[in-house]
Amino acid sequence: MFKKVDNGYMVRFPEIPEAMTKGDTINQAYEMAIEVLGLALEDYHIFPKPSAYHSIQQKYPNSIITLVGIDLKDYRSQYVSESLK
């Protein structure tokens, strides 16, 4: 969920409360959303079930509701380093 704030866009994932970020533009916020989602999901053994679109829309009426796709294998190859020596 993206919400316009004074200095950009705040991003939150209702089912993953620790995954929050922001960007100056909507495009930057989307890129940051992918990164923070990957980081947060690294700690999950079982992924939370996503809420229905209409329930999120009702709960956050002044927000932009959109899907954020992530390929965790690709994310890990870009952001997660191999064991440190």
PDB file of N, CA and C in Angstrom:
ATOM      1  N   MET A   1       0.841  -1.157   0.000  1.00  0.00           N
ATOM      2  CA  MET A   1       0.000   0.000   0.000  1.00  0.00           C
ATOM      3  C   MET A   1       0.900   1.238   0.000  1.00  0.00           C
ATOM      4  N   PHE A   2       0.647   2.154  -0.900  1.00  0.00           N
ATOM      5  CA  PHE A   2       1.396   3.401  -1.011  1.00  0.00           C
ATOM      6  C   PHE A   2       0.508   4.542  -0.551  1.00  0.00           C
ATOM      7  N   LYS A   3       1.082   5.443   0.211  1.00  0.00           N
ATOM      8  CA  LYS A   3       0.321   6.612   0.663  1.00  0.00           C
ATOM      9  C   LYS A   3       1.146   7.859   0.395  1.00  0.00           C
ATOM     10  N   LYS A   4       0.528   8.827  -0.251  1.00  0.00           N
ATOM     11  CA  LYS A   4       1.191  10.098  -0.520  1.00  0.00           C
ATOM     12  C   LYS A   4       1.388  10.828   0.800  1.00  0.00           C
ATOM     13  N   VAL A   5       2.624  11.230   1.062  1.00  0.00           N
ATOM     14  CA  VAL A   5       2.954  12.036   2.236  1.00  0.00           C
ATOM     15  C   VAL A   5       3.622  13.312   1.741  1.00  0.00           C
ATOM     16  N   ASP A   6       3.871  14.233   2.633  1.00  0.00           N
ATOM     17  CA  ASP A   6       4.412  15.541   2.245  1.00  0.00           C
ATOM     18  C   ASP A   6       5.650  15.451   1.348  1.00  0.00           C
ATOM     19  N   ASN A   7       6.554  14.558   1.682  1.00  0.00           N
ATOM     20  CA  ASN A   7       7.820  14.521   0.945  1.00  0.00           C
ATOM     21  C   ASN A   7       8.015  13.205   0.178  1.00  0.00           C
ATOM     22  N   GLY A   8       6.940  12.638  -0.362  1.00  0.00           N
ATOM     23  CA  GLY A   8       7.081  11.429  -1.159  1.00  0.00           C
ATOM     24  C   GLY A   8       5.944  10.452  -0.943  1.00  0.00           C
ATOM     25  N   TYR A   9       6.304   9.167  -0.933  1.00  0.00           N
ATOM     26  CA  TYR A   9       5.324   8.096  -0.790  1.00  0.00           C
ATOM     27  C   TYR A   9       5.782   7.118   0.280  1.00  0.00           C
ATOM     28  N   MET A  10       4.917   6.861   1.238  1.00  0.00           N
ATOM     29  CA  MET A  10       5.157   5.874   2.280  1.00  0.00           C
ATOM     30  C   MET A  10       4.632   4.537   1.778  1.00  0.00           C
ATOM     31  N   VAL A  11       5.362   3.465   2.059  1.00  0.00           N
ATOM     32  CA  VAL A  11       4.962   2.123   1.644  1.00  0.00           C
ATOM     33  C   VAL A  11       4.820   1.236   2.875  1.00  0.00           C
ATOM     34  N   ARG A  12       3.699   0.507   2.944  1.00  0.00           N
ATOM     35  CA  ARG A  12       3.465  -0.454   4.020  1.00  0.00           C
ATOM     36  C   ARG A  12       2.859  -1.711   3.427  1.00  0.00           C
ATOM     37  N   PHE A  13       3.131  -2.826   4.087  1.00  0.00           N
ATOM     38  CA  PHE A  13       2.520  -4.101   3.742  1.00  0.00           C
ATOM     39  C   PHE A  13       1.699  -4.512   4.960  1.00  0.00           C
ATOM     40  N   PRO A  14       0.366  -4.484   4.877  1.00  0.00           N
ATOM     41  CA  PRO A  14      -0.459  -4.756   6.055  1.00  0.00           C
ATOM     42  C   PRO A  14      -0.150  -6.079   6.758  1.00  0.00           C
ATOM     43  N   GLU A  15       0.182  -7.114   6.009  1.00  0.00           N
ATOM     44  CA  GLU A  15       0.449  -8.421   6.620  1.00  0.00           C
ATOM     45  C   GLU A  15       1.878  -8.558   7.133  1.00  0.00           C
ATOM     46  N   ILE A  16       2.739  -7.622   6.766  1.00  0.00           N
ATOM     47  CA  ILE A  16       4.148  -7.674   7.158  1.00  0.00           C
ATOM     48  C   ILE A  16       4.501  -6.319   7.770  1.00  0.00           C
ATOM     49  N   PRO A  17       4.147  -6.095   9.025  1.00  0.00           N
ATOM     50  CA  PRO A  17       4.281  -4.768   9.635  1.00  0.00           C
ATOM     51  C   PRO A  17       5.705  -4.224   9.684  1.00  0.00           C
ATOM     52  N   GLU A  18       6.708  -5.087   9.719  1.00  0.00           N
ATOM     53  CA  GLU A  18       8.081  -4.595   9.771  1.00  0.00           C
ATOM     54  C   GLU A  18       8.590  -4.137   8.401  1.00  0.00           C
ATOM     55  N   ALA A  19       7.840  -4.386   7.350  1.00  0.00           N
ATOM     56  CA  ALA A  19       8.237  -3.968   5.997  1.00  0.00           C
ATOM     57  C   ALA A  19       7.632  -2.603   5.692  1.00  0.00           C
ATOM     58  N   MET A  20       8.370  -1.559   6.024  1.00  0.00           N
ATOM     59  CA  MET A  20       7.942  -0.182   5.755  1.00  0.00           C
ATOM     60  C   MET A  20       9.104   0.565   5.126  1.00  0.00           C
ATOM     61  N   THR A  21       8.798   1.443   4.184  1.00  0.00           N
ATOM     62  CA  THR A  21       9.822   2.247   3.539  1.00  0.00           C
ATOM     63  C   THR A  21       9.158   3.455   2.912  1.00  0.00           C
ATOM     64  N   LYS A  22       9.932   4.271   2.248  1.00  0.00           N
ATOM     65  CA  LYS A  22       9.372   5.407   1.509  1.00  0.00           C
ATOM     66  C   LYS A  22      10.288   5.772   0.375  1.00  0.00           C
ATOM     67  N   GLY A  23       9.749   6.534  -0.554  1.00  0.00           N
ATOM     68  CA  GLY A  23      10.532   7.038  -1.676  1.00  0.00           C
ATOM     69  C   GLY A  23      10.067   8.426  -2.040  1.00  0.00           C
ATOM     70  N   ASP A  24      10.934   9.164  -2.691  1.00  0.00           N
ATOM     71  CA  ASP A  24      10.589  10.529  -3.096  1.00  0.00           C
ATOM     72  C   ASP A  24       9.551  10.539  -4.213  1.00  0.00           C
ATOM     73  N   THR A  25       9.613   9.535  -5.097  1.00  0.00           N
ATOM     74  CA  THR A  25       8.664   9.401  -6.199  1.00  0.00           C
ATOM     75  C   THR A  25       7.965   8.048  -6.074  1.00  0.00           C
ATOM     76  N   ILE A  26       6.886   7.862  -6.814  1.00  0.00           N
ATOM     77  CA  ILE A  26       6.184   6.582  -6.765  1.00  0.00           C
ATOM     78  C   ILE A  26       7.075   5.462  -7.300  1.00  0.00           C
ATOM     79  N   ASN A  27       7.875   5.753  -8.328  1.00  0.00           N
ATOM     80  CA  ASN A  27       8.777   4.733  -8.878  1.00  0.00           C
ATOM     81  C   ASN A  27       9.857   4.350  -7.867  1.00  0.00           C
ATOM     82  N   GLN A  28      10.423   5.333  -7.204  1.00  0.00           N
ATOM     83  CA  GLN A  28      11.440   5.049  -6.193  1.00  0.00           C
ATOM     84  C   GLN A  28      10.821   4.275  -5.031  1.00  0.00           C
ATOM     85  N   ALA A  29       9.614   4.637  -4.638  1.00  0.00           N
ATOM     86  CA  ALA A  29       8.931   3.936  -3.554  1.00  0.00           C
ATOM     87  C   ALA A  29       8.681   2.478  -3.925  1.00  0.00           C
ATOM     88  N   TYR A  30       8.334   2.221  -5.183  1.00  0.00           N
ATOM     89  CA  TYR A  30       8.098   0.850  -5.627  1.00  0.00           C
ATOM     90  C   TYR A  30       9.390   0.036  -5.562  1.00  0.00           C
ATOM     91  N   GLU A  31      10.485   0.607  -6.022  1.00  0.00           N
ATOM     92  CA  GLU A  31      11.779  -0.087  -5.953  1.00  0.00           C
ATOM     93  C   GLU A  31      12.177  -0.356  -4.501  1.00  0.00           C
ATOM     94  N   MET A  32      11.960   0.611  -3.643  1.00  0.00           N
ATOM     95  CA  MET A  32      12.267   0.429  -2.232  1.00  0.00           C
ATOM     96  C   MET A  32      11.353  -0.631  -1.612  1.00  0.00           C
ATOM     97  N   ALA A  33      10.110  -0.699  -2.085  1.00  0.00           N
ATOM     98  CA  ALA A  33       9.164  -1.694  -1.579  1.00  0.00           C
ATOM     99  C   ALA A  33       9.661  -3.113  -1.869  1.00  0.00           C
ATOM    100  N   ILE A  34      10.188  -3.336  -3.056  1.00  0.00           N
ATOM    101  CA  ILE A  34      10.729  -4.647  -3.408  1.00  0.00           C
ATOM    102  C   ILE A  34      11.873  -5.002  -2.468  1.00  0.00           C
ATOM    103  N   GLU A  35      12.757  -4.055  -2.239  1.00  0.00           N
ATOM    104  CA  GLU A  35      13.918  -4.305  -1.381  1.00  0.00           C
ATOM    105  C   GLU A  35      13.504  -4.602   0.062  1.00  0.00           C
ATOM    106  N   VAL A  36      12.612  -3.799   0.622  1.00  0.00           N
ATOM    107  CA  VAL A  36      12.211  -4.004   2.016  1.00  0.00           C
ATOM    108  C   VAL A  36      11.374  -5.278   2.163  1.00  0.00           C
ATOM    109  N   LEU A  37      10.593  -5.610   1.150  1.00  0.00           N
ATOM    110  CA  LEU A  37       9.811  -6.839   1.203  1.00  0.00           C
ATOM    111  C   LEU A  37      10.732  -8.057   1.227  1.00  0.00           C
ATOM    112  N   GLY A  38      11.742  -8.052   0.372  1.00  0.00           N
ATOM    113  CA  GLY A  38      12.710  -9.150   0.377  1.00  0.00           C
ATOM    114  C   GLY A  38      13.421  -9.270   1.704  1.00  0.00           C
ATOM    115  N   LEU A  39      13.832  -8.148   2.250  1.00  0.00           N
ATOM    116  CA  LEU A  39      14.525  -8.144   3.537  1.00  0.00           C
ATOM    117  C   LEU A  39      13.632  -8.708   4.644  1.00  0.00           C
ATOM    118  N   ALA A  40      12.381  -8.293   4.679  1.00  0.00           N
ATOM    119  CA  ALA A  40      11.461  -8.769   5.716  1.00  0.00           C
ATOM    120  C   ALA A  40      11.143 -10.253   5.540  1.00  0.00           C
ATOM    121  N   LEU A  41      10.959 -10.687   4.311  1.00  0.00           N
ATOM    122  CA  LEU A  41      10.593 -12.086   4.074  1.00  0.00           C
ATOM    123  C   LEU A  41      11.733 -13.055   4.375  1.00  0.00           C
ATOM    124  N   GLU A  42      12.955 -12.559   4.444  1.00  0.00           N
ATOM    125  CA  GLU A  42      14.081 -13.415   4.818  1.00  0.00           C
ATOM    126  C   GLU A  42      13.868 -14.048   6.191  1.00  0.00           C
ATOM    127  N   ASP A  43      13.125 -13.388   7.065  1.00  0.00           N
ATOM    128  CA  ASP A  43      12.906 -13.877   8.431  1.00  0.00           C
ATOM    129  C   ASP A  43      11.669 -14.772   8.561  1.00  0.00           C
ATOM    130  N   TYR A  44      10.895 -14.921   7.484  1.00  0.00           N
ATOM    131  CA  TYR A  44       9.669 -15.706   7.550  1.00  0.00           C
ATOM    132  C   TYR A  44       9.931 -17.145   7.100  1.00  0.00           C
ATOM    133  N   HIS A  45       9.401 -18.088   7.883  1.00  0.00           N
ATOM    134  CA  HIS A  45       9.440 -19.494   7.477  1.00  0.00           C
ATOM    135  C   HIS A  45       8.156 -19.857   6.744  1.00  0.00           C
ATOM    136  N   ILE A  46       7.064 -19.219   7.145  1.00  0.00           N
ATOM    137  CA  ILE A  46       5.773 -19.369   6.473  1.00  0.00           C
ATOM    138  C   ILE A  46       5.295 -17.969   6.121  1.00  0.00           C
ATOM    139  N   PHE A  47       4.990 -17.754   4.860  1.00  0.00           N
ATOM    140  CA  PHE A  47       4.570 -16.424   4.420  1.00  0.00           C
ATOM    141  C   PHE A  47       3.116 -16.175   4.806  1.00  0.00           C
ATOM    142  N   PRO A  48       2.811 -14.942   5.231  1.00  0.00           N
ATOM    143  CA  PRO A  48       1.427 -14.619   5.589  1.00  0.00           C
ATOM    144  C   PRO A  48       0.539 -14.608   4.353  1.00  0.00           C
ATOM    145  N   LYS A  49      -0.709 -14.958   4.546  1.00  0.00           N
ATOM    146  CA  LYS A  49      -1.686 -14.933   3.456  1.00  0.00           C
ATOM    147  C   LYS A  49      -2.072 -13.483   3.181  1.00  0.00           C
ATOM    148  N   PRO A  50      -2.046 -13.062   1.923  1.00  0.00           N
ATOM    149  CA  PRO A  50      -2.403 -11.670   1.632  1.00  0.00           C
ATOM    150  C   PRO A  50      -3.883 -11.396   1.880  1.00  0.00           C
ATOM    151  N   SER A  51      -4.166 -10.194   2.315  1.00  0.00           N
ATOM    152  CA  SER A  51      -5.557  -9.766   2.514  1.00  0.00           C
ATOM    153  C   SER A  51      -6.221  -9.562   1.163  1.00  0.00           C
ATOM    154  N   ALA A  52      -7.524  -9.633   1.159  1.00  0.00           N
ATOM    155  CA  ALA A  52      -8.285  -9.351  -0.056  1.00  0.00           C
ATOM    156  C   ALA A  52      -8.145  -7.867  -0.400  1.00  0.00           C
ATOM    157  N   TYR A  53      -8.089  -7.577  -1.685  1.00  0.00           N
ATOM    158  CA  TYR A  53      -7.926  -6.200  -2.163  1.00  0.00           C
ATOM    159  C   TYR A  53      -8.973  -5.275  -1.551  1.00  0.00           C
ATOM    160  N   HIS A  54     -10.234  -5.677  -1.600  1.00  0.00           N
ATOM    161  CA  HIS A  54     -11.298  -4.786  -1.119  1.00  0.00           C
ATOM    162  C   HIS A  54     -11.203  -4.511   0.379  1.00  0.00           C
ATOM    163  N   SER A  55     -10.704  -5.467   1.166  1.00  0.00           N
ATOM    164  CA  SER A  55     -10.577  -5.210   2.603  1.00  0.00           C
ATOM    165  C   SER A  55      -9.461  -4.207   2.887  1.00  0.00           C
ATOM    166  N   ILE A  56      -8.381  -4.261   2.122  1.00  0.00           N
ATOM    167  CA  ILE A  56      -7.304  -3.271   2.279  1.00  0.00           C
ATOM    168  C   ILE A  56      -7.800  -1.907   1.825  1.00  0.00           C
ATOM    169  N   GLN A  57      -8.516  -1.886   0.713  1.00  0.00           N
ATOM    170  CA  GLN A  57      -9.039  -0.629   0.185  1.00  0.00           C
ATOM    171  C   GLN A  57      -9.990   0.033   1.183  1.00  0.00           C
ATOM    172  N   GLN A  58     -10.800  -0.755   1.858  1.00  0.00           N
ATOM    173  CA  GLN A  58     -11.721  -0.205   2.857  1.00  0.00           C
ATOM    174  C   GLN A  58     -10.970   0.309   4.079  1.00  0.00           C
ATOM    175  N   LYS A  59      -9.934  -0.411   4.492  1.00  0.00           N
ATOM    176  CA  LYS A  59      -9.187  -0.037   5.692  1.00  0.00           C
ATOM    177  C   LYS A  59      -8.292   1.180   5.454  1.00  0.00           C
ATOM    178  N   TYR A  60      -7.781   1.323   4.222  1.00  0.00           N
ATOM    179  CA  TYR A  60      -6.883   2.429   3.883  1.00  0.00           C
ATOM    180  C   TYR A  60      -7.424   3.161   2.649  1.00  0.00           C
ATOM    181  N   PRO A  61      -8.521   3.896   2.784  1.00  0.00           N
ATOM    182  CA  PRO A  61      -9.192   4.484   1.621  1.00  0.00           C
ATOM    183  C   PRO A  61      -8.394   5.546   0.870  1.00  0.00           C
ATOM    184  N   ASN A  62      -7.463   6.206   1.493  1.00  0.00           N
ATOM    185  CA  ASN A  62      -6.704   7.269   0.827  1.00  0.00           C
ATOM    186  C   ASN A  62      -5.326   6.798   0.368  1.00  0.00           C
ATOM    187  N   SER A  63      -5.210   5.509   0.144  1.00  0.00           N
ATOM    188  CA  SER A  63      -3.924   4.936  -0.257  1.00  0.00           C
ATOM    189  C   SER A  63      -4.020   4.331  -1.652  1.00  0.00           C
ATOM    190  N   ILE A  64      -2.867   4.117  -2.245  1.00  0.00           N
ATOM    191  CA  ILE A  64      -2.770   3.441  -3.538  1.00  0.00           C
ATOM    192  C   ILE A  64      -2.481   1.976  -3.228  1.00  0.00           C
ATOM    193  N   ILE A  65      -3.395   1.108  -3.614  1.00  0.00           N
ATOM    194  CA  ILE A  65      -3.243  -0.320  -3.353  1.00  0.00           C
ATOM    195  C   ILE A  65      -2.733  -0.968  -4.646  1.00  0.00           C
ATOM    196  N   THR A  66      -1.607  -1.644  -4.540  1.00  0.00           N
ATOM    197  CA  THR A  66      -1.044  -2.299  -5.713  1.00  0.00           C
ATOM    198  C   THR A  66      -0.280  -3.547  -5.294  1.00  0.00           C
ATOM    199  N   LEU A  67      -0.070  -4.434  -6.237  1.00  0.00           N
ATOM    200  CA  LEU A  67       0.733  -5.623  -5.978  1.00  0.00           C
ATOM    201  C   LEU A  67       2.201  -5.276  -6.141  1.00  0.00           C
ATOM    202  N   VAL A  68       3.016  -5.862  -5.294  1.00  0.00           N
ATOM    203  CA  VAL A  68       4.466  -5.719  -5.407  1.00  0.00           C
ATOM    204  C   VAL A  68       5.007  -7.134  -5.566  1.00  0.00           C
ATOM    205  N   GLY A  69       5.526  -7.412  -6.745  1.00  0.00           N
ATOM    206  CA  GLY A  69       6.057  -8.743  -7.011  1.00  0.00           C
ATOM    207  C   GLY A  69       7.526  -8.834  -6.649  1.00  0.00           C
ATOM    208  N   ILE A  70       7.922 -10.002  -6.170  1.00  0.00           N
ATOM    209  CA  ILE A  70       9.325 -10.205  -5.834  1.00  0.00           C
ATOM    210  C   ILE A  70       9.687 -11.652  -6.161  1.00  0.00           C
ATOM    211  N   ASP A  71      10.829 -11.816  -6.776  1.00  0.00           N
ATOM    212  CA  ASP A  71      11.415 -13.128  -7.026  1.00  0.00           C
ATOM    213  C   ASP A  71      12.487 -13.302  -5.950  1.00  0.00           C
ATOM    214  N   LEU A  72      12.189 -14.102  -4.930  1.00  0.00           N
ATOM    215  CA  LEU A  72      13.114 -14.211  -3.800  1.00  0.00           C
ATOM    216  C   LEU A  72      14.461 -14.799  -4.205  1.00  0.00           C
ATOM    217  N   LYS A  73      14.476 -15.678  -5.178  1.00  0.00           N
ATOM    218  CA  LYS A  73      15.752 -16.235  -5.642  1.00  0.00           C
ATOM    219  C   LYS A  73      16.610 -15.121  -6.242  1.00  0.00           C
ATOM    220  N   ASP A  74      16.008 -14.291  -7.068  1.00  0.00           N
ATOM    221  CA  ASP A  74      16.726 -13.163  -7.665  1.00  0.00           C
ATOM    222  C   ASP A  74      17.129 -12.155  -6.586  1.00  0.00           C
ATOM    223  N   TYR A  75      16.225 -11.880  -5.650  1.00  0.00           N
ATOM    224  CA  TYR A  75      16.529 -10.949  -4.555  1.00  0.00           C
ATOM    225  C   TYR A  75      17.752 -11.430  -3.780  1.00  0.00           C
ATOM    226  N   ARG A  76      17.749 -12.704  -3.422  1.00  0.00           N
ATOM    227  CA  ARG A  76      18.869 -13.243  -2.643  1.00  0.00           C
ATOM    228  C   ARG A  76      20.179 -13.153  -3.417  1.00  0.00           C
ATOM    229  N   SER A  77      20.136 -13.383  -4.724  1.00  0.00           N
ATOM    230  CA  SER A  77      21.376 -13.304  -5.502  1.00  0.00           C
ATOM    231  C   SER A  77      21.897 -11.866  -5.589  1.00  0.00           C
ATOM    232  N   GLN A  78      21.018 -10.878  -5.498  1.00  0.00           N
ATOM    233  CA  GLN A  78      21.442  -9.481  -5.564  1.00  0.00           C
ATOM    234  C   GLN A  78      21.844  -8.908  -4.210  1.00  0.00           C
ATOM    235  N   TYR A  79      21.110  -9.264  -3.148  1.00  0.00           N
ATOM    236  CA  TYR A  79      21.268  -8.573  -1.881  1.00  0.00           C
ATOM    237  C   TYR A  79      21.862  -9.397  -0.745  1.00  0.00           C
ATOM    238  N   VAL A  80      21.755 -10.699  -0.816  1.00  0.00           N
ATOM    239  CA  VAL A  80      22.224 -11.527   0.290  1.00  0.00           C
ATOM    240  C   VAL A  80      23.596 -12.058  -0.065  1.00  0.00           C
ATOM    241  N   SER A  81      24.581 -11.692   0.735  1.00  0.00           N
ATOM    242  CA  SER A  81      25.944 -12.148   0.462  1.00  0.00           C
ATOM    243  C   SER A  81      26.121 -13.587   0.920  1.00  0.00           C
ATOM    244  N   GLU A  82      27.051 -14.255   0.318  1.00  0.00           N
ATOM    245  CA  GLU A  82      27.387 -15.600   0.745  1.00  0.00           C
ATOM    246  C   GLU A  82      28.073 -15.509   2.098  1.00  0.00           C
ATOM    247  N   SER A  83      28.418 -16.616   2.681  1.00  0.00           N
ATOM    248  CA  SER A  83      29.009 -16.605   4.010  1.00  0.00           C
ATOM    249  C   SER A  83      30.259 -15.743   4.049  1.00  0.00           C
ATOM    250  N   LEU A  84      30.394 -15.007   5.125  1.00  0.00           N
ATOM    251  CA  LEU A  84      31.556 -14.154   5.310  1.00  0.00           C
ATOM    252  C   LEU A  84      32.732 -14.988   5.789  1.00  0.00           C
ATOM    253  N   LYS A  85      33.907 -14.692   5.276  1.00  0.00           N
ATOM    254  CA  LYS A  85      35.099 -15.429   5.685  1.00  0.00           C
ATOM    255  C   LYS A  85      36.040 -14.545   6.447  1.00  0.00           C
TER     256      LYS A  85
END
